[in-house]
PDB file of N, CA and C in Angstrom:
ATOM      1  N   MET A   1     114.497  75.177 -48.135  1.00  0.00           N
ATOM      2  CA  MET A   1     114.480  76.453 -48.506  1.00  0.00           C
ATOM      3  C   MET A   1     115.915  76.933 -48.555  1.00  0.00           C
ATOM      4  N   THR A   2     115.840  77.803 -49.284  1.00  0.00           N
ATOM      5  CA  THR A   2     117.073  78.661 -49.571  1.00  0.00           C
ATOM      6  C   THR A   2     117.205  79.814 -48.808  1.00  0.00           C
ATOM      7  N   LEU A   3     118.388  80.249 -48.867  1.00  0.00           N
ATOM      8  CA  LEU A   3     118.683  81.735 -48.031  1.00  0.00           C
ATOM      9  C   LEU A   3     117.724  82.597 -48.787  1.00  0.00           C
ATOM     10  N   GLU A   4     117.744  82.969 -49.688  1.00  0.00           N
ATOM     11  CA  GLU A   4     117.168  83.837 -50.496  1.00  0.00           C
ATOM     12  C   GLU A   4     115.545  83.926 -50.353  1.00  0.00           C
ATOM     13  N   LYS A   5     115.110  82.600 -50.439  1.00  0.00           N
ATOM     14  CA  LYS A   5     113.572  82.425 -50.347  1.00  0.00           C
ATOM     15  C   LYS A   5     113.409  82.520 -48.755  1.00  0.00           C
ATOM     16  N   ALA A   6     113.821  82.541 -47.910  1.00  0.00           N
ATOM     17  CA  ALA A   6     113.624  82.868 -46.346  1.00  0.00           C
ATOM     18  C   ALA A   6     113.305  84.277 -46.063  1.00  0.00           C
ATOM     19  N   ILE A   7     114.487  85.198 -46.678  1.00  0.00           N
ATOM     20  CA  ILE A   7     114.699  86.403 -46.488  1.00  0.00           C
ATOM     21  C   ILE A   7     113.541  86.767 -47.304  1.00  0.00           C
ATOM     22  N   PHE A   8     112.872  86.718 -48.473  1.00  0.00           N
ATOM     23  CA  PHE A   8     112.300  87.191 -49.509  1.00  0.00           C
ATOM     24  C   PHE A   8     110.496  86.978 -48.690  1.00  0.00           C
ATOM     25  N   GLN A   9     110.515  85.727 -48.329  1.00  0.00           N
ATOM     26  CA  GLN A   9     109.205  85.375 -47.680  1.00  0.00           C
ATOM     27  C   GLN A   9     108.938  86.266 -46.483  1.00  0.00           C
ATOM     28  N   ALA A  10     109.965  86.282 -45.648  1.00  0.00           N
ATOM     29  CA  ALA A  10     109.727  87.116 -44.379  1.00  0.00           C
ATOM     30  C   ALA A  10     109.619  88.581 -44.646  1.00  0.00           C
ATOM     31  N   ASP A  11     110.236  89.375 -45.856  1.00  0.00           N
ATOM     32  CA  ASP A  11     110.072  90.506 -46.258  1.00  0.00           C
ATOM     33  C   ASP A  11     108.502  90.583 -46.455  1.00  0.00           C
ATOM     34  N   GLU A  12     108.076  89.468 -47.314  1.00  0.00           N
ATOM     35  CA  GLU A  12     106.771  89.790 -47.892  1.00  0.00           C
ATOM     36  C   GLU A  12     105.707  89.814 -47.061  1.00  0.00           C
ATOM     37  N   LEU A  13     105.924  88.859 -45.891  1.00  0.00           N
ATOM     38  CA  LEU A  13     104.787  88.602 -44.710  1.00  0.00           C
ATOM     39  C   LEU A  13     105.153  89.791 -43.877  1.00  0.00           C
ATOM     40  N   LYS A  14     106.092  90.079 -43.209  1.00  0.00           N
ATOM     41  CA  LYS A  14     106.529  91.347 -42.460  1.00  0.00           C
ATOM     42  C   LYS A  14     107.392  92.465 -43.075  1.00  0.00           C
ATOM     43  N   PRO A  15     106.949  93.343 -43.752  1.00  0.00           N
ATOM     44  CA  PRO A  15     107.728  94.408 -44.174  1.00  0.00           C
ATOM     45  C   PRO A  15     108.278  95.050 -43.272  1.00  0.00           C
ATOM     46  N   ASN A  16     109.756  95.454 -43.483  1.00  0.00           N
ATOM     47  CA  ASN A  16     110.567  95.753 -42.440  1.00  0.00           C
ATOM     48  C   ASN A  16     111.731  96.860 -43.129  1.00  0.00           C
ATOM     49  N   GLN A  17     112.750  97.356 -42.184  1.00  0.00           N
ATOM     50  CA  GLN A  17     113.761  97.931 -42.697  1.00  0.00           C
ATOM     51  C   GLN A  17     115.038  97.549 -42.495  1.00  0.00           C
ATOM     52  N   VAL A  18     114.841  96.237 -41.937  1.00  0.00           N
ATOM     53  CA  VAL A  18     116.244  95.438 -41.669  1.00  0.00           C
ATOM     54  C   VAL A  18     116.895  94.997 -42.751  1.00  0.00           C
ATOM     55  N   SER A  19     118.072  95.502 -42.753  1.00  0.00           N
ATOM     56  CA  SER A  19     119.179  94.875 -43.700  1.00  0.00           C
ATOM     57  C   SER A  19     119.323  93.674 -44.105  1.00  0.00           C
ATOM     58  N   ARG A  20     119.378  93.325 -45.457  1.00  0.00           N
ATOM     59  CA  ARG A  20     119.738  91.979 -45.557  1.00  0.00           C
ATOM     60  C   ARG A  20     120.989  91.157 -45.096  1.00  0.00           C
ATOM     61  N   ALA A  21     121.685  91.991 -44.889  1.00  0.00           N
ATOM     62  CA  ALA A  21     122.820  91.366 -44.266  1.00  0.00           C
ATOM     63  C   ALA A  21     122.694  90.792 -42.929  1.00  0.00           C
ATOM     64  N   GLN A  22     121.992  91.912 -42.166  1.00  0.00           N
ATOM     65  CA  GLN A  22     121.469  91.582 -40.869  1.00  0.00           C
ATOM     66  C   GLN A  22     120.678  90.137 -40.909  1.00  0.00           C
ATOM     67  N   LYS A  23     119.749  90.033 -41.583  1.00  0.00           N
ATOM     68  CA  LYS A  23     118.858  88.657 -41.875  1.00  0.00           C
ATOM     69  C   LYS A  23     119.725  87.615 -42.327  1.00  0.00           C
ATOM     70  N   ILE A  24     120.589  87.755 -42.970  1.00  0.00           N
ATOM     71  CA  ILE A  24     121.610  86.758 -43.334  1.00  0.00           C
ATOM     72  C   ILE A  24     122.202  86.275 -41.975  1.00  0.00           C
ATOM     73  N   GLU A  25     122.929  87.191 -41.315  1.00  0.00           N
ATOM     74  CA  GLU A  25     123.381  87.104 -39.964  1.00  0.00           C
ATOM     75  C   GLU A  25     122.548  86.449 -38.873  1.00  0.00           C
ATOM     76  N   TRP A  26     121.171  86.519 -38.976  1.00  0.00           N
ATOM     77  CA  TRP A  26     120.550  85.952 -38.326  1.00  0.00           C
ATOM     78  C   TRP A  26     120.141  84.309 -38.660  1.00  0.00           C
ATOM     79  N   LEU A  27     120.079  84.219 -39.798  1.00  0.00           N
ATOM     80  CA  LEU A  27     119.869  82.868 -40.428  1.00  0.00           C
ATOM     81  C   LEU A  27     121.313  82.147 -40.076  1.00  0.00           C
ATOM     82  N   SER A  28     122.236  82.719 -40.079  1.00  0.00           N
ATOM     83  CA  SER A  28     123.673  81.782 -39.965  1.00  0.00           C
ATOM     84  C   SER A  28     123.699  81.759 -38.314  1.00  0.00           C
ATOM     85  N   HIS A  29     123.161  82.466 -37.676  1.00  0.00           N
ATOM     86  CA  HIS A  29     123.012  82.153 -36.279  1.00  0.00           C
ATOM     87  C   HIS A  29     122.007  80.962 -35.688  1.00  0.00           C
ATOM     88  N   LEU A  30     121.056  80.670 -36.586  1.00  0.00           N
ATOM     89  CA  LEU A  30     119.948  79.616 -36.373  1.00  0.00           C
ATOM     90  C   LEU A  30     120.601  78.303 -36.910  1.00  0.00           C
ATOM     91  N   ASP A  31     121.239  78.525 -38.230  1.00  0.00           N
ATOM     92  CA  ASP A  31     121.773  77.267 -38.695  1.00  0.00           C
ATOM     93  C   ASP A  31     122.763  76.538 -37.864  1.00  0.00           C
ATOM     94  N   ARG A  32     123.508  77.618 -37.316  1.00  0.00           N
ATOM     95  CA  ARG A  32     124.705  76.878 -36.462  1.00  0.00           C
ATOM     96  C   ARG A  32     124.048  76.471 -35.020  1.00  0.00           C
ATOM     97  N   ARG A  33     122.780  76.730 -34.505  1.00  0.00           N
ATOM     98  CA  ARG A  33     122.286  76.233 -33.562  1.00  0.00           C
ATOM     99  C   ARG A  33     121.619  74.772 -34.025  1.00  0.00           C
ATOM    100  N   VAL A  34     121.047  74.838 -35.480  1.00  0.00           N
ATOM    101  CA  VAL A  34     120.595  73.716 -35.797  1.00  0.00           C
ATOM    102  C   VAL A  34     121.646  72.543 -36.119  1.00  0.00           C
ATOM    103  N   PHE A  35     122.643  72.873 -36.553  1.00  0.00           N
ATOM    104  CA  PHE A  35     123.684  71.900 -36.699  1.00  0.00           C
ATOM    105  C   PHE A  35     124.291  71.528 -35.360  1.00  0.00           C
ATOM    106  N   LYS A  36     124.607  72.521 -34.407  1.00  0.00           N
ATOM    107  CA  LYS A  36     125.376  72.115 -33.330  1.00  0.00           C
ATOM    108  C   LYS A  36     124.374  71.292 -32.126  1.00  0.00           C
ATOM    109  N   GLU A  37     123.018  71.654 -32.005  1.00  0.00           N
ATOM    110  CA  GLU A  37     122.411  71.048 -31.112  1.00  0.00           C
ATOM    111  C   GLU A  37     121.434  70.196 -31.614  1.00  0.00           C
ATOM    112  N   ILE A  38     121.387  69.915 -32.825  1.00  0.00           N
ATOM    113  CA  ILE A  38     120.326  68.757 -33.644  1.00  0.00           C
ATOM    114  C   ILE A  38     121.263  67.735 -34.679  1.00  0.00           C
ATOM    115  N   LEU A  39     121.990  68.444 -35.723  1.00  0.00           N
ATOM    116  CA  LEU A  39     122.297  67.612 -36.637  1.00  0.00           C
ATOM    117  C   LEU A  39     123.831  66.808 -35.999  1.00  0.00           C
ATOM    118  N   SER A  40     124.397  67.783 -35.507  1.00  0.00           N
ATOM    119  CA  SER A  40     125.695  66.944 -34.951  1.00  0.00           C
ATOM    120  C   SER A  40     125.501  66.183 -33.787  1.00  0.00           C
ATOM    121  N   ALA A  41     124.277  65.965 -33.223  1.00  0.00           N
ATOM    122  CA  ALA A  41     124.035  65.142 -31.867  1.00  0.00           C
ATOM    123  C   ALA A  41     123.341  63.809 -32.307  1.00  0.00           C
ATOM    124  N   HIS A  42     123.440  63.386 -33.799  1.00  0.00           N
ATOM    125  CA  HIS A  42     122.522  62.252 -34.453  1.00  0.00           C
ATOM    126  C   HIS A  42     123.472  61.735 -35.507  1.00  0.00           C
ATOM    127  N   ALA A  43     123.228  60.571 -35.639  1.00  0.00           N
ATOM    128  CA  ALA A  43     124.169  59.786 -36.867  1.00  0.00           C
ATOM    129  C   ALA A  43     123.720  60.507 -38.198  1.00  0.00           C
ATOM    130  N   PRO A  44     124.595  60.962 -39.051  1.00  0.00           N
ATOM    131  CA  PRO A  44     124.343  61.723 -40.194  1.00  0.00           C
ATOM    132  C   PRO A  44     123.464  60.875 -41.240  1.00  0.00           C
ATOM    133  N   GLY A  45     122.531  61.456 -41.942  1.00  0.00           N
ATOM    134  CA  GLY A  45     121.659  61.127 -43.116  1.00  0.00           C
ATOM    135  C   GLY A  45     122.495  61.249 -44.125  1.00  0.00           C
ATOM    136  N   GLU A  46     122.124  60.773 -45.296  1.00  0.00           N
ATOM    137  CA  GLU A  46     122.724  61.119 -46.824  1.00  0.00           C
ATOM    138  C   GLU A  46     122.710  62.725 -47.016  1.00  0.00           C
ATOM    139  N   GLU A  47     121.836  63.438 -46.461  1.00  0.00           N
ATOM    140  CA  GLU A  47     121.932  64.967 -46.853  1.00  0.00           C
ATOM    141  C   GLU A  47     122.579  65.706 -45.582  1.00  0.00           C
ATOM    142  N   THR A  48     122.658  65.222 -44.616  1.00  0.00           N
ATOM    143  CA  THR A  48     123.332  65.738 -43.360  1.00  0.00           C
ATOM    144  C   THR A  48     124.731  66.471 -43.942  1.00  0.00           C
ATOM    145  N   PRO A  49     125.176  67.525 -43.647  1.00  0.00           N
ATOM    146  CA  PRO A  49     126.498  68.031 -43.945  1.00  0.00           C
ATOM    147  C   PRO A  49     127.129  67.739 -42.563  1.00  0.00           C
ATOM    148  N   ARG A  50     128.700  67.577 -43.188  1.00  0.00           N
ATOM    149  CA  ARG A  50     129.802  67.129 -41.895  1.00  0.00           C
ATOM    150  C   ARG A  50     130.086  68.264 -41.389  1.00  0.00           C
ATOM    151  N   ALA A  51     129.837  69.543 -41.784  1.00  0.00           N
ATOM    152  CA  ALA A  51     130.378  70.715 -41.145  1.00  0.00           C
ATOM    153  C   ALA A  51     129.519  71.794 -41.468  1.00  0.00           C
ATOM    154  N   PHE A  52     129.538  72.691 -40.638  1.00  0.00           N
ATOM    155  CA  PHE A  52     128.677  74.218 -41.063  1.00  0.00           C
ATOM    156  C   PHE A  52     129.918  75.167 -40.857  1.00  0.00           C
ATOM    157  N   SER A  53     129.580  76.169 -41.927  1.00  0.00           N
ATOM    158  CA  SER A  53     130.315  77.375 -41.641  1.00  0.00           C
ATOM    159  C   SER A  53     129.271  78.405 -41.805  1.00  0.00           C
ATOM    160  N   ALA A  54     129.313  79.500 -41.453  1.00  0.00           N
ATOM    161  CA  ALA A  54     128.587  80.487 -41.471  1.00  0.00           C
ATOM    162  C   ALA A  54     128.054  81.232 -42.820  1.00  0.00           C
ATOM    163  N   TYR A  55     127.004  81.617 -42.920  1.00  0.00           N
ATOM    164  CA  TYR A  55     126.770  82.545 -44.083  1.00  0.00           C
ATOM    165  C   TYR A  55     127.076  83.818 -44.212  1.00  0.00           C
ATOM    166  N   THR A  56     127.356  84.478 -45.129  1.00  0.00           N
ATOM    167  CA  THR A  56     127.962  85.872 -45.419  1.00  0.00           C
ATOM    168  C   THR A  56     126.934  86.408 -46.513  1.00  0.00           C
ATOM    169  N   GLN A  57     127.539  87.737 -46.698  1.00  0.00           N
ATOM    170  CA  GLN A  57     126.776  88.352 -48.000  1.00  0.00           C
ATOM    171  C   GLN A  57     127.199  87.729 -48.981  1.00  0.00           C
ATOM    172  N   GLU A  58     128.441  87.144 -49.130  1.00  0.00           N
ATOM    173  CA  GLU A  58     128.899  86.374 -50.347  1.00  0.00           C
ATOM    174  C   GLU A  58     128.281  84.808 -50.458  1.00  0.00           C
ATOM    175  N   THR A  59     127.547  84.405 -49.434  1.00  0.00           N
ATOM    176  CA  THR A  59     127.032  83.298 -49.687  1.00  0.00           C
ATOM    177  C   THR A  59     125.793  83.300 -50.895  1.00  0.00           C
ATOM    178  N   PRO A  60     126.219  82.064 -51.795  1.00  0.00           N
ATOM    179  CA  PRO A  60     125.088  82.416 -52.602  1.00  0.00           C
ATOM    180  C   PRO A  60     123.584  82.210 -52.545  1.00  0.00           C
ATOM    181  N   PRO A  61     122.814  83.114 -52.867  1.00  0.00           N
ATOM    182  CA  PRO A  61     121.415  82.931 -52.424  1.00  0.00           C
ATOM    183  C   PRO A  61     120.521  81.835 -52.684  1.00  0.00           C
ATOM    184  N   ASP A  62     121.181  80.902 -53.418  1.00  0.00           N
ATOM    185  CA  ASP A  62     120.285  79.636 -53.748  1.00  0.00           C
ATOM    186  C   ASP A  62     120.902  78.473 -52.712  1.00  0.00           C
ATOM    187  N   THR A  63     121.709  79.047 -51.743  1.00  0.00           N
ATOM    188  CA  THR A  63     122.091  78.007 -50.702  1.00  0.00           C
ATOM    189  C   THR A  63     121.082  77.522 -50.057  1.00  0.00           C
ATOM    190  N   VAL A  64     121.000  75.891 -49.980  1.00  0.00           N
ATOM    191  CA  VAL A  64     119.731  75.479 -49.031  1.00  0.00           C
ATOM    192  C   VAL A  64     120.128  75.358 -47.608  1.00  0.00           C
ATOM    193  N   LEU A  65     119.237  76.125 -46.825  1.00  0.00           N
ATOM    194  CA  LEU A  65     119.469  76.015 -45.373  1.00  0.00           C
ATOM    195  C   LEU A  65     119.334  74.653 -44.852  1.00  0.00           C
ATOM    196  N   LEU A  66     119.603  74.480 -43.538  1.00  0.00           N
ATOM    197  CA  LEU A  66     119.760  73.045 -42.788  1.00  0.00           C
ATOM    198  C   LEU A  66     118.669  72.237 -42.834  1.00  0.00           C
ATOM    199  N   ALA A  67     117.429  73.006 -42.161  1.00  0.00           N
ATOM    200  CA  ALA A  67     116.378  72.372 -41.668  1.00  0.00           C
ATOM    201  C   ALA A  67     115.397  72.257 -43.041  1.00  0.00           C
ATOM    202  N   ARG A  68     114.978  71.004 -43.258  1.00  0.00           N
ATOM    203  CA  ARG A  68     114.220  70.619 -44.731  1.00  0.00           C
ATOM    204  C   ARG A  68     112.794  70.595 -44.375  1.00  0.00           C
ATOM    205  N   GLU A  69     112.300  70.761 -45.407  1.00  0.00           N
ATOM    206  CA  GLU A  69     110.517  70.711 -45.578  1.00  0.00           C
ATOM    207  C   GLU A  69     110.190  69.159 -44.901  1.00  0.00           C
ATOM    208  N   PRO A  70     109.230  69.184 -44.130  1.00  0.00           N
ATOM    209  CA  PRO A  70     108.206  70.173 -43.665  1.00  0.00           C
ATOM    210  C   PRO A  70     108.551  71.326 -42.827  1.00  0.00           C
ATOM    211  N   TYR A  71     109.813  71.363 -41.706  1.00  0.00           N
ATOM    212  CA  TYR A  71     110.199  71.979 -40.933  1.00  0.00           C
ATOM    213  C   TYR A  71     110.946  73.232 -41.229  1.00  0.00           C
ATOM    214  N   ASP A  72     111.255  73.651 -42.438  1.00  0.00           N
ATOM    215  CA  ASP A  72     111.784  74.948 -42.820  1.00  0.00           C
ATOM    216  C   ASP A  72     111.033  76.116 -42.205  1.00  0.00           C
ATOM    217  N   ASP A  73     109.777  75.970 -41.615  1.00  0.00           N
ATOM    218  CA  ASP A  73     109.118  77.198 -41.402  1.00  0.00           C
ATOM    219  C   ASP A  73     109.762  78.059 -40.020  1.00  0.00           C
ATOM    220  N   ILE A  74     110.737  77.363 -39.705  1.00  0.00           N
ATOM    221  CA  ILE A  74     111.575  77.836 -38.252  1.00  0.00           C
ATOM    222  C   ILE A  74     112.326  79.004 -38.988  1.00  0.00           C
ATOM    223  N   TYR A  75     112.702  78.955 -40.027  1.00  0.00           N
ATOM    224  CA  TYR A  75     113.404  80.145 -40.433  1.00  0.00           C
ATOM    225  C   TYR A  75     112.543  81.369 -40.651  1.00  0.00           C
ATOM    226  N   LEU A  76     111.411  81.245 -41.357  1.00  0.00           N
ATOM    227  CA  LEU A  76     110.291  82.439 -40.970  1.00  0.00           C
ATOM    228  C   LEU A  76     110.034  82.890 -39.930  1.00  0.00           C
ATOM    229  N   TYR A  77     109.678  81.926 -39.057  1.00  0.00           N
ATOM    230  CA  TYR A  77     109.189  82.346 -37.620  1.00  0.00           C
ATOM    231  C   TYR A  77     110.465  83.375 -37.062  1.00  0.00           C
ATOM    232  N   TYR A  78     111.879  82.694 -37.176  1.00  0.00           N
ATOM    233  CA  TYR A  78     112.875  83.046 -36.525  1.00  0.00           C
ATOM    234  C   TYR A  78     113.081  84.509 -36.979  1.00  0.00           C
ATOM    235  N   LEU A  79     112.903  84.877 -38.301  1.00  0.00           N
ATOM    236  CA  LEU A  79     113.234  86.088 -38.977  1.00  0.00           C
ATOM    237  C   LEU A  79     112.169  87.242 -38.239  1.00  0.00           C
ATOM    238  N   GLU A  80     110.860  86.746 -38.404  1.00  0.00           N
ATOM    239  CA  GLU A  80     109.746  87.511 -38.078  1.00  0.00           C
ATOM    240  C   GLU A  80     110.281  88.117 -36.431  1.00  0.00           C
ATOM    241  N   MET A  81     110.393  86.907 -35.711  1.00  0.00           N
ATOM    242  CA  MET A  81     110.722  87.060 -34.349  1.00  0.00           C
ATOM    243  C   MET A  81     111.887  88.158 -34.147  1.00  0.00           C
ATOM    244  N   GLN A  82     112.972  87.893 -34.674  1.00  0.00           N
ATOM    245  CA  GLN A  82     113.994  89.010 -34.839  1.00  0.00           C
ATOM    246  C   GLN A  82     113.696  90.318 -35.016  1.00  0.00           C
ATOM    247  N   ILE A  83     112.879  90.565 -36.308  1.00  0.00           N
ATOM    248  CA  ILE A  83     112.285  91.864 -36.610  1.00  0.00           C
ATOM    249  C   ILE A  83     111.221  92.356 -35.651  1.00  0.00           C
ATOM    250  N   ASP A  84     110.682  91.714 -35.030  1.00  0.00           N
ATOM    251  CA  ASP A  84     109.924  92.131 -34.123  1.00  0.00           C
ATOM    252  C   ASP A  84     110.671  92.870 -32.734  1.00  0.00           C
ATOM    253  N   LEU A  85     111.775  92.062 -32.425  1.00  0.00           N
ATOM    254  CA  LEU A  85     112.654  92.189 -31.351  1.00  0.00           C
ATOM    255  C   LEU A  85     113.262  93.452 -31.809  1.00  0.00           C
ATOM    256  N   ASN A  86     113.761  93.726 -32.994  1.00  0.00           N
ATOM    257  CA  ASN A  86     114.354  94.637 -33.328  1.00  0.00           C
ATOM    258  C   ASN A  86     113.825  95.988 -33.626  1.00  0.00           C
ATOM    259  N   ASN A  87     112.471  95.883 -33.642  1.00  0.00           N
ATOM    260  CA  ASN A  87     111.635  96.981 -33.947  1.00  0.00           C
ATOM    261  C   ASN A  87     110.694  97.307 -32.466  1.00  0.00           C
ATOM    262  N   LEU A  88     111.219  96.742 -31.472  1.00  0.00           N
ATOM    263  CA  LEU A  88     110.885  96.956 -30.080  1.00  0.00           C
ATOM    264  C   LEU A  88     109.476  96.570 -30.057  1.00  0.00           C
ATOM    265  N   GLU A  89     108.927  95.687 -30.888  1.00  0.00           N
ATOM    266  CA  GLU A  89     107.517  95.109 -30.819  1.00  0.00           C
ATOM    267  C   GLU A  89     107.076  93.892 -29.909  1.00  0.00           C
ATOM    268  N   TYR A  90     107.174  94.310 -28.783  1.00  0.00           N
ATOM    269  CA  TYR A  90     107.375  93.300 -27.834  1.00  0.00           C
ATOM    270  C   TYR A  90     106.154  92.185 -27.685  1.00  0.00           C
ATOM    271  N   ASP A  91     104.805  92.632 -27.924  1.00  0.00           N
ATOM    272  CA  ASP A  91     103.729  91.832 -28.002  1.00  0.00           C
ATOM    273  C   ASP A  91     104.057  90.919 -29.483  1.00  0.00           C
ATOM    274  N   LYS A  92     104.241  91.516 -30.552  1.00  0.00           N
ATOM    275  CA  LYS A  92     104.498  90.635 -31.794  1.00  0.00           C
ATOM    276  C   LYS A  92     105.618  89.680 -31.587  1.00  0.00           C
ATOM    277  N   TYR A  93     106.459  90.384 -30.710  1.00  0.00           N
ATOM    278  CA  TYR A  93     107.783  89.469 -30.551  1.00  0.00           C
ATOM    279  C   TYR A  93     107.338  88.206 -29.718  1.00  0.00           C
ATOM    280  N   ASN A  94     106.452  88.315 -28.836  1.00  0.00           N
ATOM    281  CA  ASN A  94     106.255  86.980 -28.036  1.00  0.00           C
ATOM    282  C   ASN A  94     105.296  86.188 -28.953  1.00  0.00           C
ATOM    283  N   ASN A  95     104.445  86.669 -29.522  1.00  0.00           N
ATOM    284  CA  ASN A  95     103.707  85.676 -30.623  1.00  0.00           C
ATOM    285  C   ASN A  95     104.726  85.071 -31.658  1.00  0.00           C
ATOM    286  N   SER A  96     105.745  85.788 -32.060  1.00  0.00           N
ATOM    287  CA  SER A  96     106.487  85.254 -33.255  1.00  0.00           C
ATOM    288  C   SER A  96     107.327  84.097 -32.373  1.00  0.00           C
ATOM    289  N   LEU A  97     107.809  84.434 -31.148  1.00  0.00           N
ATOM    290  CA  LEU A  97     108.748  83.435 -30.281  1.00  0.00           C
ATOM    291  C   LEU A  97     107.802  82.182 -29.942  1.00  0.00           C
ATOM    292  N   LEU A  98     106.512  82.129 -29.824  1.00  0.00           N
ATOM    293  CA  LEU A  98     105.694  81.068 -29.772  1.00  0.00           C
ATOM    294  C   LEU A  98     105.583  80.211 -30.734  1.00  0.00           C
ATOM    295  N   LEU A  99     105.548  80.873 -31.825  1.00  0.00           N
ATOM    296  CA  LEU A  99     105.440  80.098 -33.154  1.00  0.00           C
ATOM    297  C   LEU A  99     106.820  79.466 -33.532  1.00  0.00           C
ATOM    298  N   PHE A 100     107.777  80.254 -33.296  1.00  0.00           N
ATOM    299  CA  PHE A 100     109.101  79.653 -33.626  1.00  0.00           C
ATOM    300  C   PHE A 100     109.753  78.322 -32.565  1.00  0.00           C
ATOM    301  N   THR A 101     109.187  78.765 -31.329  1.00  0.00           N
ATOM    302  CA  THR A 101     109.414  77.679 -30.304  1.00  0.00           C
ATOM    303  C   THR A 101     108.527  76.421 -30.694  1.00  0.00           C
ATOM    304  N   ASN A 102     107.470  76.535 -31.150  1.00  0.00           N
ATOM    305  CA  ASN A 102     106.741  75.374 -31.433  1.00  0.00           C
ATOM    306  C   ASN A 102     107.242  74.559 -32.613  1.00  0.00           C
ATOM    307  N   ALA A 103     107.635  75.563 -33.763  1.00  0.00           N
ATOM    308  CA  ALA A 103     108.178  74.949 -34.998  1.00  0.00           C
ATOM    309  C   ALA A 103     109.606  74.315 -34.512  1.00  0.00           C
ATOM    310  N   TRP A 104     110.728  74.801 -33.789  1.00  0.00           N
ATOM    311  CA  TRP A 104     111.960  74.246 -33.367  1.00  0.00           C
ATOM    312  C   TRP A 104     111.423  72.971 -32.804  1.00  0.00           C
ATOM    313  N   GLY A 105     110.657  73.031 -32.052  1.00  0.00           N
ATOM    314  CA  GLY A 105     110.325  71.503 -31.260  1.00  0.00           C
ATOM    315  C   GLY A 105     109.695  70.502 -32.108  1.00  0.00           C
ATOM    316  N   GLN A 106     109.159  70.874 -32.986  1.00  0.00           N
ATOM    317  CA  GLN A 106     108.477  69.910 -33.728  1.00  0.00           C
ATOM    318  C   GLN A 106     109.908  69.379 -34.817  1.00  0.00           C
ATOM    319  N   PHE A 107     110.494  70.408 -35.269  1.00  0.00           N
ATOM    320  CA  PHE A 107     111.661  69.960 -35.932  1.00  0.00           C
ATOM    321  C   PHE A 107     112.535  69.145 -35.068  1.00  0.00           C
ATOM    322  N   ALA A 108     112.785  69.377 -33.987  1.00  0.00           N
ATOM    323  CA  ALA A 108     114.025  68.558 -33.325  1.00  0.00           C
ATOM    324  C   ALA A 108     113.349  67.435 -33.038  1.00  0.00           C
ATOM    325  N   ARG A 109     112.260  67.230 -32.555  1.00  0.00           N
ATOM    326  CA  ARG A 109     111.438  65.901 -32.352  1.00  0.00           C
ATOM    327  C   ARG A 109     111.581  65.010 -33.664  1.00  0.00           C
ATOM    328  N   ALA A 110     111.371  65.470 -34.616  1.00  0.00           N
ATOM    329  CA  ALA A 110     111.222  64.722 -35.575  1.00  0.00           C
ATOM    330  C   ALA A 110     112.503  64.141 -36.075  1.00  0.00           C
ATOM    331  N   TYR A 111     113.419  65.028 -36.264  1.00  0.00           N
ATOM    332  CA  TYR A 111     115.037  64.820 -36.309  1.00  0.00           C
ATOM    333  C   TYR A 111     115.204  63.560 -35.517  1.00  0.00           C
ATOM    334  N   HIS A 112     115.079  63.740 -34.585  1.00  0.00           N
ATOM    335  CA  HIS A 112     115.414  62.841 -33.260  1.00  0.00           C
ATOM    336  C   HIS A 112     114.559  61.452 -33.386  1.00  0.00           C
ATOM    337  N   ARG A 113     113.747  61.598 -33.951  1.00  0.00           N
ATOM    338  CA  ARG A 113     112.845  60.109 -34.397  1.00  0.00           C
ATOM    339  C   ARG A 113     113.466  59.608 -35.615  1.00  0.00           C
ATOM    340  N   GLU A 114     114.050  60.085 -36.483  1.00  0.00           N
ATOM    341  CA  GLU A 114     114.334  59.846 -37.613  1.00  0.00           C
ATOM    342  C   GLU A 114     115.876  59.511 -37.759  1.00  0.00           C
ATOM    343  N   HIS A 115     116.674  59.958 -36.979  1.00  0.00           N
ATOM    344  CA  HIS A 115     117.987  59.825 -36.646  1.00  0.00           C
ATOM    345  C   HIS A 115     118.289  59.351 -35.458  1.00  0.00           C
ATOM    346  N   ALA A 116     119.350  58.175 -35.422  1.00  0.00           N
ATOM    347  CA  ALA A 116     119.943  57.785 -34.050  1.00  0.00           C
ATOM    348  C   ALA A 116     120.686  58.690 -33.525  1.00  0.00           C
ATOM    349  N   PRO A 117     120.533  58.891 -32.147  1.00  0.00           N
ATOM    350  CA  PRO A 117     121.398  59.800 -31.433  1.00  0.00           C
ATOM    351  C   PRO A 117     122.925  59.074 -31.387  1.00  0.00           C
ATOM    352  N   LEU A 118     123.884  59.849 -31.376  1.00  0.00           N
ATOM    353  CA  LEU A 118     125.374  59.502 -31.536  1.00  0.00           C
ATOM    354  C   LEU A 118     125.672  58.925 -30.003  1.00  0.00           C
ATOM    355  N   SER A 119     126.509  57.910 -30.072  1.00  0.00           N
ATOM    356  CA  SER A 119     126.698  57.419 -28.567  1.00  0.00           C
ATOM    357  C   SER A 119     127.648  58.482 -27.964  1.00  0.00           C
ATOM    358  N   GLY A 120     127.225  58.479 -26.471  1.00  0.00           N
ATOM    359  CA  GLY A 120     128.206  59.483 -25.836  1.00  0.00           C
ATOM    360  C   GLY A 120     127.565  60.792 -26.058  1.00  0.00           C
ATOM    361  N   LYS A 121     126.648  61.076 -26.910  1.00  0.00           N
ATOM    362  CA  LYS A 121     125.844  62.278 -26.815  1.00  0.00           C
ATOM    363  C   LYS A 121     124.531  62.349 -25.678  1.00  0.00           C
ATOM    364  N   ALA A 122     124.051  63.394 -25.306  1.00  0.00           N
ATOM    365  CA  ALA A 122     123.304  63.695 -24.401  1.00  0.00           C
ATOM    366  C   ALA A 122     122.002  63.287 -25.342  1.00  0.00           C
ATOM    367  N   ALA A 123     120.668  62.959 -24.756  1.00  0.00           N
ATOM    368  CA  ALA A 123     119.508  62.572 -25.330  1.00  0.00           C
ATOM    369  C   ALA A 123     118.881  63.980 -25.350  1.00  0.00           C
ATOM    370  N   LEU A 124     118.217  64.579 -26.702  1.00  0.00           N
ATOM    371  CA  LEU A 124     117.456  65.647 -26.610  1.00  0.00           C
ATOM    372  C   LEU A 124     116.254  65.523 -25.505  1.00  0.00           C
ATOM    373  N   ARG A 125     116.060  66.653 -24.664  1.00  0.00           N
ATOM    374  CA  ARG A 125     115.084  66.752 -23.770  1.00  0.00           C
ATOM    375  C   ARG A 125     114.370  67.805 -24.043  1.00  0.00           C
ATOM    376  N   PHE A 126     112.925  67.708 -23.898  1.00  0.00           N
ATOM    377  CA  PHE A 126     112.083  68.620 -24.323  1.00  0.00           C
ATOM    378  C   PHE A 126     110.941  68.862 -23.138  1.00  0.00           C
TER     379      PHE A 126
END
């Protein structure tokens, strides 16, 4: 999923007044977590980046986000969760949080199964 596609789909599914810049910041925060907590704790694959720098408004819209299909739904759930929290819609936030947490766990477990942990790194716990 690309940066632009994640923002577009979230806006289509959950119309909102949150700026594009804020959504990019949220996606950047999430991919920092993906890189630090999951990707960098395992032996890299062919498509695994060696480093991650933040997304900004100058980041090309066709930039591919770190979590690949079929686990890229974490981006939609994360944006929806943040939009709900921003709008003080706590019941919706709790539902979005559950969807995100489930998707994050599926992604983390699948990545852990498919990539060997680096020696000296703690194993993922769920």
